[in-house]
Each structure stands twice: as C-alpha cells, then as structure tokens.
Amino acid sequence: MNMTAIGAIYKFEMARAWRTLAQTIAAPVISTCLYFVVFGSAIGSRIDEVDGISYGSFIVPGLIMLSVLTQSISNSAFGIYFPKFTGTIYEVLSAPLSFLEIVVGYVCAAASKSIILGLLILGTAHFFVDVTISHPFWMLFFLVLTALTFSLFGFLIGIWAESFEELQRIPLLIVTPLAFLGGSFYSISMLPPIWQKISMLNPVVYLISGFRWSFYNQADVKVSTSLIIIGCILAICIYLTYLVFKTGYKLKP
C-alpha cells in the first residue's frame, strides 16, 4: 500500500479543514452547546431522570453521536464531490493509486475530523453536566467505528451526487431524521410498545444505544447487537465502494 499517496490525500483534506475551522469544528460545537442549553437546562429541569440518569447527562452520548453521524457524512461527501465538481478527480484517478488507497485517504481524513469534533463536544459537555464514562475503550471504539462507517457512506453520497443540492438530500431528508428518532434525546423504552418495535427498524438506534452503554451501562438493545448492526452497515458500504470503483460509476466519462 502506497502510504505516501494516502498521506498526501489525508494531509490535503485535513489542511482544508483547518482553513475552514469555523465551519467544520466551531459551528457544530456551538450548535451542540445550544442543545445542552435548550434540552439540558430548559427541558431537563422538567425531567428528573431517564433510566436513573439525569436528563442532561443522558443526552450527551446522543448529541455526540448526532454530530459525528452528520459531520462524517458531510465531510466525506464534500471531500470527494468537490474534486468531481472541479474536474481534479481525474488527476487522482490517473495517478498510480489503487482504489483502496484513494478511499482510505479521503475516508480517514473525514473520520478524523468527526472524531476530533466528538471529543471536543465531550469535553464541552463537562461544563454543562456531569458525564461518566464507564467503558472508555468501548466509547472510543464506537466513536471511531461510527465515524469510519458513515464517512464511507458519505463518500458514496459524494460520488453519487451530481449537484450541491443532491449532496445534502440524503443527509437532510433521511440521516438527520433517523438520528433524531434514534433515541438521541430519549430512551426507546419510554415509547409505546408498537413504536418500540418500529424504532428497532432504525439502524441509528443501535449506534446510539451502544454508545450510551459505554457511558452509563444503559442500553436499549444488546451491545453485541449494536456491534453487529454497525458491522453490517460498514460491510455494505465497503462492498458498494468496491462496485463503484470496479464499474467506474460516475467517475469515468
């Protein structure tokens, strides 16, 4: 594997993030702080506890996962779409690089930005509520795995999209609603039985549930099930990416 080429793509994408620091890092952190103020303080003052955890603390894993999901997709999708838009993608494709090296460079850069953002939000949360991490290793594992999985998903969206409007269509119309309905701000056990069963069809439920377990030992579904679901999503994204480069879908004229 050509680590020099991967490093070049990675450094270029990370440099772009530092040039747009207010957009890629500051804006999501500020938005999350507003969530803490509105949900943690205003609504949290009316809700004592959820599963024995104060409401302000309970929503921390959900808020982190919400930001990581959306930013992973956004960073990766824009990272590969913009070279397509400007035509510089053909320079990358004509370079002596395998499709694996191209994907690793772009996806790892997008995932790195999301992981940094997630850790910053976690640090910011300590200024608003008490946060306990029962399983630090599993917390980092879920964070990294989710960032990589959805960065790869965003990479596919960036290749599929033919306009900036299409670039935002799936994240806004599908991913964000699923994240809000996936237990970011509540426990699935609080829903009526029929809605609990319907919620189990939402893959984001398993991501947030597993991530919340790493904090408070509380989960809506089994941790092993969460890992299996994330693994399946990752496997599907890897296979679709392989098909994209094998067939040249929307990459070759």
C-alpha atoms as a PDB file:
ATOM      1  CA  MET A   1       0.000   0.000   0.000  1.00  0.00           C
ATOM      2  CA  ASN A   2       1.309   3.426  -1.001  1.00  0.00           C
ATOM      3  CA  MET A   3       1.357   5.206   2.369  1.00  0.00           C
ATOM      4  CA  THR A   4       2.920   8.334   0.834  1.00  0.00           C
ATOM      5  CA  ALA A   5      -0.048   8.786  -1.503  1.00  0.00           C
ATOM      6  CA  ILE A   6      -2.551   8.105   1.280  1.00  0.00           C
ATOM      7  CA  GLY A   7      -0.731  10.603   3.481  1.00  0.00           C
ATOM      8  CA  ALA A   8      -0.847  13.238   0.723  1.00  0.00           C
ATOM      9  CA  ILE A   9      -4.625  12.918   0.343  1.00  0.00           C
ATOM     10  CA  TYR A  10      -5.084  12.836   4.113  1.00  0.00           C
ATOM     11  CA  LYS A  11      -2.940  15.939   4.715  1.00  0.00           C
ATOM     12  CA  PHE A  12      -4.676  17.854   1.920  1.00  0.00           C
ATOM     13  CA  GLU A  13      -8.123  17.131   3.359  1.00  0.00           C
ATOM     14  CA  MET A  14      -7.052  17.937   6.923  1.00  0.00           C
ATOM     15  CA  ALA A  15      -5.436  21.191   5.748  1.00  0.00           C
ATOM     16  CA  ARG A  16      -8.749  22.169   4.151  1.00  0.00           C
ATOM     17  CA  ALA A  17     -10.450  21.524   7.491  1.00  0.00           C
ATOM     18  CA  TRP A  18      -8.036  23.805   9.339  1.00  0.00           C
ATOM     19  CA  ARG A  19      -8.599  26.543   6.750  1.00  0.00           C
ATOM     20  CA  THR A  20     -12.350  26.338   7.386  1.00  0.00           C
ATOM     21  CA  LEU A  21     -12.113  25.770  11.120  1.00  0.00           C
ATOM     22  CA  ALA A  22     -15.174  27.892  11.947  1.00  0.00           C
ATOM     23  CA  GLN A  23     -17.358  25.806   9.638  1.00  0.00           C
ATOM     24  CA  THR A  24     -16.015  22.318  10.297  1.00  0.00           C
ATOM     25  CA  ILE A  25     -15.359  22.468  14.053  1.00  0.00           C
ATOM     26  CA  ALA A  26     -16.592  25.648  15.729  1.00  0.00           C
ATOM     27  CA  ALA A  27     -20.109  25.712  14.244  1.00  0.00           C
ATOM     28  CA  PRO A  28     -21.037  22.116  15.249  1.00  0.00           C
ATOM     29  CA  VAL A  29     -19.644  22.627  18.780  1.00  0.00           C
ATOM     30  CA  ILE A  30     -21.632  25.850  19.223  1.00  0.00           C
ATOM     31  CA  SER A  31     -24.775  24.163  17.906  1.00  0.00           C
ATOM     32  CA  THR A  32     -24.319  21.325  20.377  1.00  0.00           C
ATOM     33  CA  CYS A  33     -23.873  23.838  23.219  1.00  0.00           C
ATOM     34  CA  LEU A  34     -27.254  25.268  22.269  1.00  0.00           C
ATOM     35  CA  TYR A  35     -28.735  21.774  22.504  1.00  0.00           C
ATOM     36  CA  PHE A  36     -27.327  21.493  26.018  1.00  0.00           C
ATOM     37  CA  VAL A  37     -28.877  24.824  26.966  1.00  0.00           C
ATOM     38  CA  VAL A  38     -32.292  24.093  25.437  1.00  0.00           C
ATOM     39  CA  PHE A  39     -32.660  20.375  26.159  1.00  0.00           C
ATOM     40  CA  GLY A  40     -30.372  20.002  29.142  1.00  0.00           C
ATOM     41  CA  SER A  41     -31.459  23.084  31.062  1.00  0.00           C
ATOM     42  CA  ALA A  42     -34.933  24.052  29.861  1.00  0.00           C
ATOM     43  CA  ILE A  43     -36.378  20.588  29.242  1.00  0.00           C
ATOM     44  CA  GLY A  44     -34.057  18.819  31.674  1.00  0.00           C
ATOM     45  CA  SER A  45     -35.430  20.916  34.536  1.00  0.00           C
ATOM     46  CA  ARG A  46     -38.823  19.290  33.903  1.00  0.00           C
ATOM     47  CA  ILE A  47     -37.493  15.729  33.531  1.00  0.00           C
ATOM     48  CA  ASP A  48     -35.723  14.399  36.605  1.00  0.00           C
ATOM     49  CA  GLU A  49     -34.136  11.200  35.326  1.00  0.00           C
ATOM     50  CA  VAL A  50     -34.149   8.726  32.463  1.00  0.00           C
ATOM     51  CA  ASP A  51     -33.200   5.173  33.444  1.00  0.00           C
ATOM     52  CA  GLY A  52     -31.690   6.544  36.655  1.00  0.00           C
ATOM     53  CA  ILE A  53     -29.549   9.132  34.821  1.00  0.00           C
ATOM     54  CA  SER A  54     -30.127  12.890  34.933  1.00  0.00           C
ATOM     55  CA  TYR A  55     -31.623  14.048  31.644  1.00  0.00           C
ATOM     56  CA  GLY A  56     -28.792  16.465  30.878  1.00  0.00           C
ATOM     57  CA  SER A  57     -26.226  13.682  31.239  1.00  0.00           C
ATOM     58  CA  PHE A  58     -28.434  11.180  29.419  1.00  0.00           C
ATOM     59  CA  ILE A  59     -28.486  13.173  26.166  1.00  0.00           C
ATOM     60  CA  VAL A  60     -24.694  13.631  25.971  1.00  0.00           C
ATOM     61  CA  PRO A  61     -23.974  10.364  24.048  1.00  0.00           C
ATOM     62  CA  GLY A  62     -26.906  11.080  21.726  1.00  0.00           C
ATOM     63  CA  LEU A  63     -25.690  14.584  20.961  1.00  0.00           C
ATOM     64  CA  ILE A  64     -22.157  13.361  20.287  1.00  0.00           C
ATOM     65  CA  MET A  65     -23.411  10.598  18.007  1.00  0.00           C
ATOM     66  CA  LEU A  66     -25.765  13.012  16.216  1.00  0.00           C
ATOM     67  CA  SER A  67     -22.865  15.353  15.436  1.00  0.00           C
ATOM     68  CA  VAL A  68     -20.480  12.547  14.467  1.00  0.00           C
ATOM     69  CA  LEU A  69     -23.032  10.969  12.129  1.00  0.00           C
ATOM     70  CA  THR A  70     -23.903  14.163  10.299  1.00  0.00           C
ATOM     71  CA  GLN A  71     -20.371  15.563  10.139  1.00  0.00           C
ATOM     72  CA  SER A  72     -18.832  12.258   8.987  1.00  0.00           C
ATOM     73  CA  ILE A  73     -21.223  12.146   6.054  1.00  0.00           C
ATOM     74  CA  SER A  74     -20.895  15.852   5.271  1.00  0.00           C
ATOM     75  CA  ASN A  75     -17.089  15.977   5.425  1.00  0.00           C
ATOM     76  CA  SER A  76     -16.573  12.856   3.341  1.00  0.00           C
ATOM     77  CA  ALA A  77     -19.274  13.654   0.776  1.00  0.00           C
ATOM     78  CA  PHE A  78     -17.942  17.167   0.148  1.00  0.00           C
ATOM     79  CA  GLY A  79     -14.337  15.911   0.161  1.00  0.00           C
ATOM     80  CA  ILE A  80     -14.892  13.650  -2.844  1.00  0.00           C
ATOM     81  CA  TYR A  81     -17.626  15.696  -4.554  1.00  0.00           C
ATOM     82  CA  PHE A  82     -15.609  18.907  -4.856  1.00  0.00           C
ATOM     83  CA  PRO A  83     -12.803  17.249  -6.915  1.00  0.00           C
ATOM     84  CA  LYS A  84     -15.559  15.839  -9.146  1.00  0.00           C
ATOM     85  CA  PHE A  85     -17.102  19.298  -9.458  1.00  0.00           C
ATOM     86  CA  THR A  86     -13.800  20.961 -10.373  1.00  0.00           C
ATOM     87  CA  GLY A  87     -12.562  18.067 -12.512  1.00  0.00           C
ATOM     88  CA  THR A  88      -9.440  17.443 -10.435  1.00  0.00           C
ATOM     89  CA  ILE A  89     -10.716  13.952  -9.561  1.00  0.00           C
ATOM     90  CA  TYR A  90      -9.291  12.723 -12.871  1.00  0.00           C
ATOM     91  CA  GLU A  91      -5.798  13.679 -11.725  1.00  0.00           C
ATOM     92  CA  VAL A  92      -6.291  11.479  -8.670  1.00  0.00           C
ATOM     93  CA  LEU A  93      -7.704   8.621 -10.737  1.00  0.00           C
ATOM     94  CA  SER A  94      -4.845   8.824 -13.249  1.00  0.00           C
ATOM     95  CA  ALA A  95      -2.205   8.697 -10.508  1.00  0.00           C
ATOM     96  CA  PRO A  96      -0.594   5.331  -9.687  1.00  0.00           C
ATOM     97  CA  LEU A  97      -3.052   4.709  -6.842  1.00  0.00           C
ATOM     98  CA  SER A  98      -5.355   1.807  -6.162  1.00  0.00           C
ATOM     99  CA  PHE A  99      -8.998   2.491  -5.342  1.00  0.00           C
ATOM    100  CA  LEU A 100      -8.294   1.289  -1.802  1.00  0.00           C
ATOM    101  CA  GLU A 101      -5.622   3.936  -1.282  1.00  0.00           C
ATOM    102  CA  ILE A 102      -7.910   6.690  -2.579  1.00  0.00           C
ATOM    103  CA  VAL A 103     -10.765   5.607  -0.306  1.00  0.00           C
ATOM    104  CA  VAL A 104      -8.517   5.246   2.744  1.00  0.00           C
ATOM    105  CA  GLY A 105      -7.108   8.749   2.265  1.00  0.00           C
ATOM    106  CA  TYR A 106     -10.454  10.519   1.936  1.00  0.00           C
ATOM    107  CA  VAL A 107     -12.372   8.430   4.471  1.00  0.00           C
ATOM    108  CA  CYS A 108      -9.700   8.542   7.185  1.00  0.00           C
ATOM    109  CA  ALA A 109      -9.474  12.335   6.856  1.00  0.00           C
ATOM    110  CA  ALA A 110     -13.258  12.735   7.175  1.00  0.00           C
ATOM    111  CA  ALA A 111     -13.368  10.304  10.101  1.00  0.00           C
ATOM    112  CA  SER A 112     -10.517  12.133  11.851  1.00  0.00           C
ATOM    113  CA  LYS A 113     -12.414  15.425  11.684  1.00  0.00           C
ATOM    114  CA  SER A 114     -15.528  13.778  13.124  1.00  0.00           C
ATOM    115  CA  ILE A 115     -13.607  12.070  15.930  1.00  0.00           C
ATOM    116  CA  ILE A 116     -11.946  15.356  16.889  1.00  0.00           C
ATOM    117  CA  LEU A 117     -15.363  17.021  16.858  1.00  0.00           C
ATOM    118  CA  GLY A 118     -16.869  14.261  19.006  1.00  0.00           C
ATOM    119  CA  LEU A 119     -14.108  14.565  21.595  1.00  0.00           C
ATOM    120  CA  LEU A 120     -14.466  18.357  21.658  1.00  0.00           C
ATOM    121  CA  ILE A 121     -18.211  18.027  22.280  1.00  0.00           C
ATOM    122  CA  LEU A 122     -17.495  15.505  25.034  1.00  0.00           C
ATOM    123  CA  GLY A 123     -15.097  17.954  26.643  1.00  0.00           C
ATOM    124  CA  THR A 124     -17.616  20.788  26.275  1.00  0.00           C
ATOM    125  CA  ALA A 125     -20.333  18.667  27.912  1.00  0.00           C
ATOM    126  CA  HIS A 126     -18.383  18.670  31.180  1.00  0.00           C
ATOM    127  CA  PHE A 127     -19.079  22.414  31.506  1.00  0.00           C
ATOM    128  CA  PHE A 128     -22.841  21.769  31.477  1.00  0.00           C
ATOM    129  CA  VAL A 129     -23.499  18.382  33.082  1.00  0.00           C
ATOM    130  CA  ASP A 130     -21.794  15.537  34.936  1.00  0.00           C
ATOM    131  CA  VAL A 131     -20.543  12.927  32.474  1.00  0.00           C
ATOM    132  CA  THR A 132     -19.339   9.465  33.472  1.00  0.00           C
ATOM    133  CA  ILE A 133     -17.613   7.099  31.048  1.00  0.00           C
ATOM    134  CA  SER A 134     -17.896   3.554  32.379  1.00  0.00           C
ATOM    135  CA  HIS A 135     -16.080   1.929  29.445  1.00  0.00           C
ATOM    136  CA  PRO A 136     -13.556   4.366  27.892  1.00  0.00           C
ATOM    137  CA  PHE A 137     -12.186   1.785  25.442  1.00  0.00           C
ATOM    138  CA  TRP A 138     -15.628   0.890  24.110  1.00  0.00           C
ATOM    139  CA  MET A 139     -16.579   4.564  23.958  1.00  0.00           C
ATOM    140  CA  LEU A 140     -13.601   5.260  21.677  1.00  0.00           C
ATOM    141  CA  PHE A 141     -14.251   2.074  19.717  1.00  0.00           C
ATOM    142  CA  PHE A 142     -17.876   3.016  18.989  1.00  0.00           C
ATOM    143  CA  LEU A 143     -16.811   6.581  18.155  1.00  0.00           C
ATOM    144  CA  VAL A 144     -14.112   5.523  15.695  1.00  0.00           C
ATOM    145  CA  LEU A 145     -16.182   2.742  14.145  1.00  0.00           C
ATOM    146  CA  THR A 146     -19.185   5.017  13.628  1.00  0.00           C
ATOM    147  CA  ALA A 147     -17.017   7.812  12.184  1.00  0.00           C
ATOM    148  CA  LEU A 148     -15.356   5.429   9.705  1.00  0.00           C
ATOM    149  CA  THR A 149     -18.628   3.760   8.705  1.00  0.00           C
ATOM    150  CA  PHE A 150     -20.518   6.956   7.984  1.00  0.00           C
ATOM    151  CA  SER A 151     -17.522   8.647   6.389  1.00  0.00           C
ATOM    152  CA  LEU A 152     -17.539   5.768   3.927  1.00  0.00           C
ATOM    153  CA  PHE A 153     -21.290   6.238   3.474  1.00  0.00           C
ATOM    154  CA  GLY A 154     -20.701   9.935   2.833  1.00  0.00           C
ATOM    155  CA  PHE A 155     -18.005   9.042   0.306  1.00  0.00           C
ATOM    156  CA  LEU A 156     -20.625   7.089  -1.641  1.00  0.00           C
ATOM    157  CA  ILE A 157     -23.044  10.010  -1.455  1.00  0.00           C
ATOM    158  CA  GLY A 158     -20.345  12.345  -2.781  1.00  0.00           C
ATOM    159  CA  ILE A 159     -19.759  10.082  -5.776  1.00  0.00           C
ATOM    160  CA  TRP A 160     -23.486   9.667  -6.434  1.00  0.00           C
ATOM    161  CA  ALA A 161     -24.389  13.360  -6.145  1.00  0.00           C
ATOM    162  CA  GLU A 162     -24.403  15.486  -9.292  1.00  0.00           C
ATOM    163  CA  SER A 163     -25.140  18.812  -7.603  1.00  0.00           C
ATOM    164  CA  PHE A 164     -24.732  20.513  -4.250  1.00  0.00           C
ATOM    165  CA  GLU A 165     -28.474  20.037  -3.684  1.00  0.00           C
ATOM    166  CA  GLU A 166     -28.189  16.277  -4.120  1.00  0.00           C
ATOM    167  CA  LEU A 167     -25.184  16.323  -1.798  1.00  0.00           C
ATOM    168  CA  GLN A 168     -27.471  17.442   1.048  1.00  0.00           C
ATOM    169  CA  ARG A 169     -30.572  15.480   0.097  1.00  0.00           C
ATOM    170  CA  ILE A 170     -29.870  12.160   1.813  1.00  0.00           C
ATOM    171  CA  PRO A 171     -28.265  13.645   4.968  1.00  0.00           C
ATOM    172  CA  LEU A 172     -31.115  16.138   5.489  1.00  0.00           C
ATOM    173  CA  LEU A 173     -34.085  14.021   4.451  1.00  0.00           C
ATOM    174  CA  ILE A 174     -33.008  10.618   5.741  1.00  0.00           C
ATOM    175  CA  VAL A 175     -29.986  10.573   8.062  1.00  0.00           C
ATOM    176  CA  THR A 176     -30.856  13.539  10.309  1.00  0.00           C
ATOM    177  CA  PRO A 177     -34.483  12.424  10.926  1.00  0.00           C
ATOM    178  CA  LEU A 178     -33.276   8.897  11.686  1.00  0.00           C
ATOM    179  CA  ALA A 179     -30.752  10.334  14.160  1.00  0.00           C
ATOM    180  CA  PHE A 180     -33.406  12.389  15.953  1.00  0.00           C
ATOM    181  CA  LEU A 181     -35.773   9.396  16.036  1.00  0.00           C
ATOM    182  CA  GLY A 182     -32.983   7.028  17.078  1.00  0.00           C
ATOM    183  CA  GLY A 183     -33.043   7.848  20.787  1.00  0.00           C
ATOM    184  CA  SER A 184     -30.719  10.845  20.824  1.00  0.00           C
ATOM    185  CA  PHE A 185     -32.938  12.677  23.328  1.00  0.00           C
ATOM    186  CA  TYR A 186     -34.944   9.848  24.863  1.00  0.00           C
ATOM    187  CA  SER A 187     -34.892   6.167  25.705  1.00  0.00           C
ATOM    188  CA  ILE A 188     -36.697   3.801  23.364  1.00  0.00           C
ATOM    189  CA  SER A 189     -38.239   2.178  26.462  1.00  0.00           C
ATOM    190  CA  MET A 190     -40.227   5.403  27.007  1.00  0.00           C
ATOM    191  CA  LEU A 191     -42.214   4.788  23.806  1.00  0.00           C
ATOM    192  CA  PRO A 192     -45.421   2.757  23.495  1.00  0.00           C
ATOM    193  CA  PRO A 193     -44.783  -0.934  22.625  1.00  0.00           C
ATOM    194  CA  ILE A 194     -45.772  -0.548  18.969  1.00  0.00           C
ATOM    195  CA  TRP A 195     -43.376   2.381  18.476  1.00  0.00           C
ATOM    196  CA  GLN A 196     -40.607   0.498  20.247  1.00  0.00           C
ATOM    197  CA  LYS A 197     -40.903  -2.248  17.626  1.00  0.00           C
ATOM    198  CA  ILE A 198     -40.965   0.281  14.790  1.00  0.00           C
ATOM    199  CA  SER A 199     -37.903   2.031  16.241  1.00  0.00           C
ATOM    200  CA  MET A 200     -35.961  -1.226  16.035  1.00  0.00           C
ATOM    201  CA  LEU A 201     -36.027  -0.809  12.243  1.00  0.00           C
ATOM    202  CA  ASN A 202     -33.971   2.366  12.618  1.00  0.00           C
ATOM    203  CA  PRO A 203     -30.250   1.470  12.412  1.00  0.00           C
ATOM    204  CA  VAL A 204     -29.266   4.634  14.291  1.00  0.00           C
ATOM    205  CA  VAL A 205     -30.987   3.247  17.402  1.00  0.00           C
ATOM    206  CA  TYR A 206     -28.288   0.590  17.660  1.00  0.00           C
ATOM    207  CA  LEU A 207     -25.456   3.094  17.239  1.00  0.00           C
ATOM    208  CA  ILE A 208     -26.731   5.439  19.957  1.00  0.00           C
ATOM    209  CA  SER A 209     -27.702   2.587  22.274  1.00  0.00           C
ATOM    210  CA  GLY A 210     -24.242   1.005  22.137  1.00  0.00           C
ATOM    211  CA  PHE A 211     -22.525   4.355  22.540  1.00  0.00           C
ATOM    212  CA  ARG A 212     -24.718   5.291  25.538  1.00  0.00           C
ATOM    213  CA  TRP A 213     -23.930   1.936  27.143  1.00  0.00           C
ATOM    214  CA  SER A 214     -20.235   2.803  27.094  1.00  0.00           C
ATOM    215  CA  PHE A 215     -21.081   5.836  29.250  1.00  0.00           C
ATOM    216  CA  TYR A 216     -23.743   4.656  31.698  1.00  0.00           C
ATOM    217  CA  ASN A 217     -24.093   0.870  31.323  1.00  0.00           C
ATOM    218  CA  GLN A 218     -27.614   1.522  29.997  1.00  0.00           C
ATOM    219  CA  ALA A 219     -28.706   0.316  26.566  1.00  0.00           C
ATOM    220  CA  ASP A 220     -31.986  -0.096  24.695  1.00  0.00           C
ATOM    221  CA  VAL A 221     -30.623  -3.132  22.836  1.00  0.00           C
ATOM    222  CA  LYS A 222     -27.832  -5.615  23.450  1.00  0.00           C
ATOM    223  CA  VAL A 223     -24.341  -4.259  22.874  1.00  0.00           C
ATOM    224  CA  SER A 224     -23.484  -7.272  20.726  1.00  0.00           C
ATOM    225  CA  THR A 225     -26.479  -6.480  18.505  1.00  0.00           C
ATOM    226  CA  SER A 226     -25.279  -2.882  18.154  1.00  0.00           C
ATOM    227  CA  LEU A 227     -21.845  -4.066  17.053  1.00  0.00           C
ATOM    228  CA  ILE A 228     -23.356  -6.489  14.535  1.00  0.00           C
ATOM    229  CA  ILE A 229     -25.552  -3.757  13.021  1.00  0.00           C
ATOM    230  CA  ILE A 230     -22.640  -1.321  12.708  1.00  0.00           C
ATOM    231  CA  GLY A 231     -20.506  -4.098  11.201  1.00  0.00           C
ATOM    232  CA  CYS A 232     -23.225  -4.889   8.646  1.00  0.00           C
ATOM    233  CA  ILE A 233     -23.550  -1.225   7.626  1.00  0.00           C
ATOM    234  CA  LEU A 234     -19.774  -0.976   7.266  1.00  0.00           C
ATOM    235  CA  ALA A 235     -19.637  -4.175   5.183  1.00  0.00           C
ATOM    236  CA  ILE A 236     -22.380  -2.890   2.852  1.00  0.00           C
ATOM    237  CA  CYS A 237     -20.585   0.436   2.389  1.00  0.00           C
ATOM    238  CA  ILE A 238     -17.281  -1.325   1.651  1.00  0.00           C
ATOM    239  CA  TYR A 239     -18.948  -3.540  -0.949  1.00  0.00           C
ATOM    240  CA  LEU A 240     -20.736  -0.626  -2.627  1.00  0.00           C
ATOM    241  CA  THR A 241     -17.474   1.349  -2.740  1.00  0.00           C
ATOM    242  CA  TYR A 242     -15.767  -1.626  -4.377  1.00  0.00           C
ATOM    243  CA  LEU A 243     -18.522  -1.759  -7.012  1.00  0.00           C
ATOM    244  CA  VAL A 244     -18.202   1.988  -7.660  1.00  0.00           C
ATOM    245  CA  PHE A 245     -14.505   1.749  -8.482  1.00  0.00           C
ATOM    246  CA  LYS A 246     -14.856  -1.549 -10.324  1.00  0.00           C
ATOM    247  CA  THR A 247     -17.527  -0.183 -12.659  1.00  0.00           C
ATOM    248  CA  GLY A 248     -16.331   3.454 -12.687  1.00  0.00           C
ATOM    249  CA  TYR A 249     -19.805   4.618 -11.653  1.00  0.00           C
ATOM    250  CA  LYS A 250     -19.959   8.417 -12.122  1.00  0.00           C
ATOM    251  CA  LEU A 251     -16.160   8.548 -12.075  1.00  0.00           C
ATOM    252  CA  LYS A 252     -15.353   7.676 -15.656  1.00  0.00           C
ATOM    253  CA  PRO A 253     -16.802   9.756 -18.515  1.00  0.00           C
END
